Amino acid sequence: PNERYGYIKVGSPKENPSRISAHDMF
């Protein structure tokens, strides 16, 4: 689990544009 991350996917028809916040900043 420490070597894996949840990547936010951008550029997809499912969500474009993507509104991303500092909530999910590492």
PDB file of all heavy atoms in Angstrom:
ATOM      1  N   PRO A   1       0.794  -1.233   0.000  1.00  0.00           N
ATOM      2  CA  PRO A   1       0.000   0.000   0.000  1.00  0.00           C
ATOM      3  C   PRO A   1       0.825   1.281   0.000  1.00  0.00           C
ATOM      4  O   PRO A   1       0.368   2.311  -0.521  1.00  0.00           O
ATOM      5  CB  PRO A   1      -0.831  -0.118   1.290  1.00  0.00           C
ATOM      6  CG  PRO A   1      -0.042  -1.039   2.172  1.00  0.00           C
ATOM      7  CD  PRO A   1       0.603  -2.014   1.243  1.00  0.00           C
ATOM      8  N   ASN A   2       2.030   1.251   0.554  1.00  0.00           N
ATOM      9  CA  ASN A   2       2.855   2.461   0.561  1.00  0.00           C
ATOM     10  C   ASN A   2       3.474   2.764  -0.792  1.00  0.00           C
ATOM     11  O   ASN A   2       3.937   3.884  -1.039  1.00  0.00           O
ATOM     12  CB  ASN A   2       3.964   2.349   1.611  1.00  0.00           C
ATOM     13  CG  ASN A   2       3.447   2.517   3.026  1.00  0.00           C
ATOM     14  OD1 ASN A   2       2.344   3.016   3.244  1.00  0.00           O
ATOM     15  ND2 ASN A   2       4.239   2.097   4.003  1.00  0.00           N
ATOM     16  N   GLU A   3       3.501   1.767  -1.665  1.00  0.00           N
ATOM     17  CA  GLU A   3       4.087   1.961  -2.987  1.00  0.00           C
ATOM     18  C   GLU A   3       3.030   2.293  -4.040  1.00  0.00           C
ATOM     19  O   GLU A   3       3.357   2.536  -5.207  1.00  0.00           O
ATOM     20  CB  GLU A   3       4.838   0.696  -3.431  1.00  0.00           C
ATOM     21  CG  GLU A   3       6.133   0.442  -2.671  1.00  0.00           C
ATOM     22  CD  GLU A   3       5.906  -0.048  -1.251  1.00  0.00           C
ATOM     23  OE1 GLU A   3       5.107  -0.987  -1.062  1.00  0.00           O
ATOM     24  OE2 GLU A   3       6.513   0.531  -0.317  1.00  0.00           O
ATOM     25  N   ARG A   4       1.768   2.305  -3.641  1.00  0.00           N
ATOM     26  CA  ARG A   4       0.683   2.571  -4.584  1.00  0.00           C
ATOM     27  C   ARG A   4       0.021   3.907  -4.249  1.00  0.00           C
ATOM     28  O   ARG A   4       0.015   4.339  -3.106  1.00  0.00           O
ATOM     29  CB  ARG A   4      -0.362   1.457  -4.542  1.00  0.00           C
ATOM     30  CG  ARG A   4       0.133   0.089  -4.947  1.00  0.00           C
ATOM     31  CD  ARG A   4      -1.025  -0.887  -4.983  1.00  0.00           C
ATOM     32  NE  ARG A   4      -1.994  -0.518  -6.014  1.00  0.00           N
ATOM     33  CZ  ARG A   4      -3.269  -0.927  -6.029  1.00  0.00           C
ATOM     34  NH1 ARG A   4      -3.731  -1.696  -5.061  1.00  0.00           N
ATOM     35  NH2 ARG A   4      -4.076  -0.563  -6.996  1.00  0.00           N
ATOM     36  N   TYR A   5      -0.570   4.522  -5.267  1.00  0.00           N
ATOM     37  CA  TYR A   5      -1.241   5.805  -5.084  1.00  0.00           C
ATOM     38  C   TYR A   5      -2.542   5.818  -5.874  1.00  0.00           C
ATOM     39  O   TYR A   5      -2.694   5.100  -6.876  1.00  0.00           O
ATOM     40  CB  TYR A   5      -0.353   6.959  -5.548  1.00  0.00           C
ATOM     41  CG  TYR A   5       0.962   7.045  -4.807  1.00  0.00           C
ATOM     42  CD1 TYR A   5       2.116   6.445  -5.320  1.00  0.00           C
ATOM     43  CD2 TYR A   5       1.057   7.700  -3.589  1.00  0.00           C
ATOM     44  CE1 TYR A   5       3.324   6.513  -4.642  1.00  0.00           C
ATOM     45  CE2 TYR A   5       2.259   7.766  -2.893  1.00  0.00           C
ATOM     46  CZ  TYR A   5       3.385   7.173  -3.429  1.00  0.00           C
ATOM     47  OH  TYR A   5       4.574   7.237  -2.751  1.00  0.00           O
ATOM     48  N   GLY A   6      -3.429   6.647  -5.425  1.00  0.00           N
ATOM     49  CA  GLY A   6      -4.647   6.891  -6.184  1.00  0.00           C
ATOM     50  C   GLY A   6      -4.423   8.067  -7.119  1.00  0.00           C
ATOM     51  O   GLY A   6      -4.319   9.213  -6.671  1.00  0.00           O
ATOM     52  N   TYR A   7      -4.318   7.798  -8.410  1.00  0.00           N
ATOM     53  CA  TYR A   7      -4.074   8.851  -9.391  1.00  0.00           C
ATOM     54  C   TYR A   7      -5.404   9.431  -9.873  1.00  0.00           C
ATOM     55  O   TYR A   7      -6.295   8.690 -10.307  1.00  0.00           O
ATOM     56  CB  TYR A   7      -3.296   8.306 -10.583  1.00  0.00           C
ATOM     57  CG  TYR A   7      -1.810   8.184 -10.328  1.00  0.00           C
ATOM     58  CD1 TYR A   7      -1.288   7.101  -9.624  1.00  0.00           C
ATOM     59  CD2 TYR A   7      -0.932   9.160 -10.780  1.00  0.00           C
ATOM     60  CE1 TYR A   7       0.073   6.991  -9.380  1.00  0.00           C
ATOM     61  CE2 TYR A   7       0.442   9.057 -10.546  1.00  0.00           C
ATOM     62  CZ  TYR A   7       0.931   7.972  -9.839  1.00  0.00           C
ATOM     63  OH  TYR A   7       2.282   7.869  -9.594  1.00  0.00           O
ATOM     64  N   ILE A   8      -5.530  10.745  -9.809  1.00  0.00           N
ATOM     65  CA  ILE A   8      -6.687  11.425 -10.381  1.00  0.00           C
ATOM     66  C   ILE A   8      -6.521  11.435 -11.895  1.00  0.00           C
ATOM     67  O   ILE A   8      -5.487  11.882 -12.416  1.00  0.00           O
ATOM     68  CB  ILE A   8      -6.804  12.854  -9.826  1.00  0.00           C
ATOM     69  CG1 ILE A   8      -7.094  12.810  -8.320  1.00  0.00           C
ATOM     70  CG2 ILE A   8      -7.883  13.644 -10.565  1.00  0.00           C
ATOM     71  CD1 ILE A   8      -7.017  14.166  -7.635  1.00  0.00           C
ATOM     72  N   LYS A   9      -7.516  10.950 -12.610  1.00  0.00           N
ATOM     73  CA  LYS A   9      -7.426  10.854 -14.064  1.00  0.00           C
ATOM     74  C   LYS A   9      -8.038  12.099 -14.698  1.00  0.00           C
ATOM     75  O   LYS A   9      -9.179  12.464 -14.407  1.00  0.00           O
ATOM     76  CB  LYS A   9      -8.145   9.595 -14.558  1.00  0.00           C
ATOM     77  CG  LYS A   9      -7.463   8.308 -14.125  1.00  0.00           C
ATOM     78  CD  LYS A   9      -8.123   7.082 -14.756  1.00  0.00           C
ATOM     79  CE  LYS A   9      -7.354   5.817 -14.401  1.00  0.00           C
ATOM     80  NZ  LYS A   9      -7.937   4.605 -15.031  1.00  0.00           N
ATOM     81  N   VAL A  10      -7.264  12.740 -15.567  1.00  0.00           N
ATOM     82  CA  VAL A  10      -7.720  13.955 -16.236  1.00  0.00           C
ATOM     83  C   VAL A  10      -7.698  13.748 -17.745  1.00  0.00           C
ATOM     84  O   VAL A  10      -7.029  12.842 -18.259  1.00  0.00           O
ATOM     85  CB  VAL A  10      -6.855  15.164 -15.845  1.00  0.00           C
ATOM     86  CG1 VAL A  10      -6.914  15.398 -14.339  1.00  0.00           C
ATOM     87  CG2 VAL A  10      -5.401  14.983 -16.287  1.00  0.00           C
ATOM     88  N   GLY A  11      -8.454  14.596 -18.437  1.00  0.00           N
ATOM     89  CA  GLY A  11      -8.528  14.485 -19.888  1.00  0.00           C
ATOM     90  C   GLY A  11      -9.492  13.420 -20.355  1.00  0.00           C
ATOM     91  O   GLY A  11      -9.492  13.043 -21.529  1.00  0.00           O
ATOM     92  N   SER A  12     -10.330  12.941 -19.456  1.00  0.00           N
ATOM     93  CA  SER A  12     -11.296  11.898 -19.801  1.00  0.00           C
ATOM     94  C   SER A  12     -12.658  12.519 -20.096  1.00  0.00           C
ATOM     95  O   SER A  12     -13.032  13.519 -19.463  1.00  0.00           O
ATOM     96  CB  SER A  12     -11.433  10.917 -18.631  1.00  0.00           C
ATOM     97  OG  SER A  12     -12.592  10.119 -18.763  1.00  0.00           O
ATOM     98  N   PRO A  13     -13.422  11.939 -21.024  1.00  0.00           N
ATOM     99  CA  PRO A  13     -14.793  12.418 -21.235  1.00  0.00           C
ATOM    100  C   PRO A  13     -15.657  12.302 -19.978  1.00  0.00           C
ATOM    101  O   PRO A  13     -16.677  12.978 -19.870  1.00  0.00           O
ATOM    102  CB  PRO A  13     -15.320  11.497 -22.350  1.00  0.00           C
ATOM    103  CG  PRO A  13     -14.111  10.938 -23.003  1.00  0.00           C
ATOM    104  CD  PRO A  13     -13.061  10.852 -21.950  1.00  0.00           C
ATOM    105  N   LYS A  14     -15.246  11.467 -19.032  1.00  0.00           N
ATOM    106  CA  LYS A  14     -16.003  11.307 -17.788  1.00  0.00           C
ATOM    107  C   LYS A  14     -15.957  12.560 -16.916  1.00  0.00           C
ATOM    108  O   LYS A  14     -16.862  12.804 -16.115  1.00  0.00           O
ATOM    109  CB  LYS A  14     -15.458  10.122 -16.992  1.00  0.00           C
ATOM    110  CG  LYS A  14     -15.532   8.787 -17.688  1.00  0.00           C
ATOM    111  CD  LYS A  14     -16.945   8.256 -17.730  1.00  0.00           C
ATOM    112  CE  LYS A  14     -16.967   6.823 -18.272  1.00  0.00           C
ATOM    113  NZ  LYS A  14     -18.343   6.282 -18.319  1.00  0.00           N
ATOM    114  N   GLU A  15     -14.856  13.339 -17.044  1.00  0.00           N
ATOM    115  CA  GLU A  15     -14.719  14.561 -16.266  1.00  0.00           C
ATOM    116  C   GLU A  15     -13.729  15.477 -16.962  1.00  0.00           C
ATOM    117  O   GLU A  15     -12.524  15.236 -16.945  1.00  0.00           O
ATOM    118  CB  GLU A  15     -14.237  14.258 -14.840  1.00  0.00           C
ATOM    119  CG  GLU A  15     -14.194  15.508 -13.961  1.00  0.00           C
ATOM    120  CD  GLU A  15     -13.561  15.252 -12.599  1.00  0.00           C
ATOM    121  OE1 GLU A  15     -12.629  14.434 -12.514  1.00  0.00           O
ATOM    122  OE2 GLU A  15     -14.016  15.887 -11.632  1.00  0.00           O
ATOM    123  N   ASN A  16     -14.233  16.528 -17.575  1.00  0.00           N
ATOM    124  CA  ASN A  16     -13.377  17.475 -18.283  1.00  0.00           C
ATOM    125  C   ASN A  16     -14.084  18.821 -18.364  1.00  0.00           C
ATOM    126  O   ASN A  16     -15.122  18.917 -19.018  1.00  0.00           O
ATOM    127  CB  ASN A  16     -13.053  16.954 -19.684  1.00  0.00           C
ATOM    128  CG  ASN A  16     -11.952  17.753 -20.356  1.00  0.00           C
ATOM    129  OD1 ASN A  16     -10.971  18.111 -19.723  1.00  0.00           O
ATOM    130  ND2 ASN A  16     -12.132  18.046 -21.637  1.00  0.00           N
ATOM    131  N   PRO A  17     -13.590  19.841 -17.672  1.00  0.00           N
ATOM    132  CA  PRO A  17     -12.351  19.886 -16.908  1.00  0.00           C
ATOM    133  C   PRO A  17     -12.480  19.187 -15.556  1.00  0.00           C
ATOM    134  O   PRO A  17     -13.592  18.914 -15.076  1.00  0.00           O
ATOM    135  CB  PRO A  17     -12.124  21.385 -16.709  1.00  0.00           C
ATOM    136  CG  PRO A  17     -13.504  21.959 -16.682  1.00  0.00           C
ATOM    137  CD  PRO A  17     -14.284  21.144 -17.677  1.00  0.00           C
ATOM    138  N   SER A  18     -11.338  18.923 -14.948  1.00  0.00           N
ATOM    139  CA  SER A  18     -11.288  18.369 -13.596  1.00  0.00           C
ATOM    140  C   SER A  18     -10.990  19.496 -12.615  1.00  0.00           C
ATOM    141  O   SER A  18     -10.046  20.262 -12.811  1.00  0.00           O
ATOM    142  CB  SER A  18     -10.201  17.294 -13.495  1.00  0.00           C
ATOM    143  OG  SER A  18     -10.490  16.198 -14.333  1.00  0.00           O
ATOM    144  N   ARG A  19     -11.798  19.590 -11.569  1.00  0.00           N
ATOM    145  CA  ARG A  19     -11.631  20.597 -10.507  1.00  0.00           C
ATOM    146  C   ARG A  19     -10.961  19.892  -9.325  1.00  0.00           C
ATOM    147  O   ARG A  19     -11.553  19.074  -8.658  1.00  0.00           O
ATOM    148  CB  ARG A  19     -12.993  21.158 -10.109  1.00  0.00           C
ATOM    149  CG  ARG A  19     -13.032  22.103  -8.910  1.00  0.00           C
ATOM    150  CD  ARG A  19     -14.497  22.354  -8.571  1.00  0.00           C
ATOM    151  NE  ARG A  19     -14.741  23.308  -7.511  1.00  0.00           N
ATOM    152  CZ  ARG A  19     -14.883  22.994  -6.223  1.00  0.00           C
ATOM    153  NH1 ARG A  19     -14.756  21.719  -5.828  1.00  0.00           N
ATOM    154  NH2 ARG A  19     -15.158  23.918  -5.329  1.00  0.00           N
ATOM    155  N   ILE A  20      -9.701  20.192  -9.081  1.00  0.00           N
ATOM    156  CA  ILE A  20      -8.889  19.482  -8.094  1.00  0.00           C
ATOM    157  C   ILE A  20      -8.529  20.458  -6.976  1.00  0.00           C
ATOM    158  O   ILE A  20      -8.223  21.621  -7.237  1.00  0.00           O
ATOM    159  CB  ILE A  20      -7.625  18.914  -8.774  1.00  0.00           C
ATOM    160  CG1 ILE A  20      -8.025  17.924  -9.876  1.00  0.00           C
ATOM    161  CG2 ILE A  20      -6.716  18.232  -7.759  1.00  0.00           C
ATOM    162  CD1 ILE A  20      -6.883  17.556 -10.809  1.00  0.00           C
ATOM    163  N   SER A  21      -8.555  19.979  -5.757  1.00  0.00           N
ATOM    164  CA  SER A  21      -8.260  20.870  -4.626  1.00  0.00           C
ATOM    165  C   SER A  21      -7.066  20.371  -3.828  1.00  0.00           C
ATOM    166  O   SER A  21      -6.632  19.222  -3.953  1.00  0.00           O
ATOM    167  CB  SER A  21      -9.484  20.996  -3.707  1.00  0.00           C
ATOM    168  OG  SER A  21      -9.588  19.883  -2.847  1.00  0.00           O
ATOM    169  N   ALA A  22      -6.560  21.250  -2.960  1.00  0.00           N
ATOM    170  CA  ALA A  22      -5.418  20.907  -2.111  1.00  0.00           C
ATOM    171  C   ALA A  22      -5.757  19.842  -1.080  1.00  0.00           C
ATOM    172  O   ALA A  22      -4.856  19.303  -0.434  1.00  0.00           O
ATOM    173  CB  ALA A  22      -4.891  22.159  -1.412  1.00  0.00           C
ATOM    174  N   HIS A  23      -7.024  19.524  -0.926  1.00  0.00           N
ATOM    175  CA  HIS A  23      -7.467  18.420  -0.070  1.00  0.00           C
ATOM    176  C   HIS A  23      -6.731  17.134  -0.424  1.00  0.00           C
ATOM    177  O   HIS A  23      -6.399  16.327   0.454  1.00  0.00           O
ATOM    178  CB  HIS A  23      -8.982  18.267  -0.249  1.00  0.00           C
ATOM    179  CG  HIS A  23      -9.628  17.190   0.565  1.00  0.00           C
ATOM    180  ND1 HIS A  23      -9.586  15.862   0.206  1.00  0.00           N
ATOM    181  CD2 HIS A  23     -10.352  17.252   1.702  1.00  0.00           C
ATOM    182  CE1 HIS A  23     -10.267  15.155   1.097  1.00  0.00           C
ATOM    183  NE2 HIS A  23     -10.736  15.967   2.016  1.00  0.00           N
ATOM    184  N   ASP A  24      -6.458  16.913  -1.722  1.00  0.00           N
ATOM    185  CA  ASP A  24      -5.855  15.668  -2.192  1.00  0.00           C
ATOM    186  C   ASP A  24      -4.382  15.822  -2.556  1.00  0.00           C
ATOM    187  O   ASP A  24      -3.819  14.960  -3.240  1.00  0.00           O
ATOM    188  CB  ASP A  24      -6.641  15.134  -3.390  1.00  0.00           C
ATOM    189  CG  ASP A  24      -8.053  14.720  -3.001  1.00  0.00           C
ATOM    190  OD1 ASP A  24      -8.236  14.230  -1.874  1.00  0.00           O
ATOM    191  OD2 ASP A  24      -8.983  14.912  -3.809  1.00  0.00           O
ATOM    192  N   MET A  25      -3.759  16.883  -2.088  1.00  0.00           N
ATOM    193  CA  MET A  25      -2.332  17.086  -2.305  1.00  0.00           C
ATOM    194  C   MET A  25      -1.536  16.285  -1.288  1.00  0.00           C
ATOM    195  O   MET A  25      -1.814  16.319  -0.092  1.00  0.00           O
ATOM    196  CB  MET A  25      -2.003  18.576  -2.162  1.00  0.00           C
ATOM    197  CG  MET A  25      -0.538  18.922  -2.314  1.00  0.00           C
ATOM    198  SD  MET A  25      -0.217  20.698  -2.120  1.00  0.00           S
ATOM    199  CE  MET A  25      -0.515  20.921  -0.351  1.00  0.00           C
ATOM    200  N   PHE A  26      -0.530  15.538  -1.765  1.00  0.00           N
ATOM    201  CA  PHE A  26       0.352  14.791  -0.873  1.00  0.00           C
ATOM    202  C   PHE A  26       1.291  15.770  -0.179  1.00  0.00           C
ATOM    203  O   PHE A  26       2.083  16.459  -0.832  1.00  0.00           O
ATOM    204  CB  PHE A  26       1.165  13.752  -1.654  1.00  0.00           C
ATOM    205  CG  PHE A  26       0.393  12.524  -1.993  1.00  0.00           C
ATOM    206  CD1 PHE A  26      -0.434  12.503  -3.096  1.00  0.00           C
ATOM    207  CD2 PHE A  26       0.465  11.403  -1.188  1.00  0.00           C
ATOM    208  CE1 PHE A  26      -1.161  11.373  -3.408  1.00  0.00           C
ATOM    209  CE2 PHE A  26      -0.255  10.267  -1.490  1.00  0.00           C
ATOM    210  CZ  PHE A  26      -1.078  10.249  -2.602  1.00  0.00           C
TER     211      PHE A  26
END
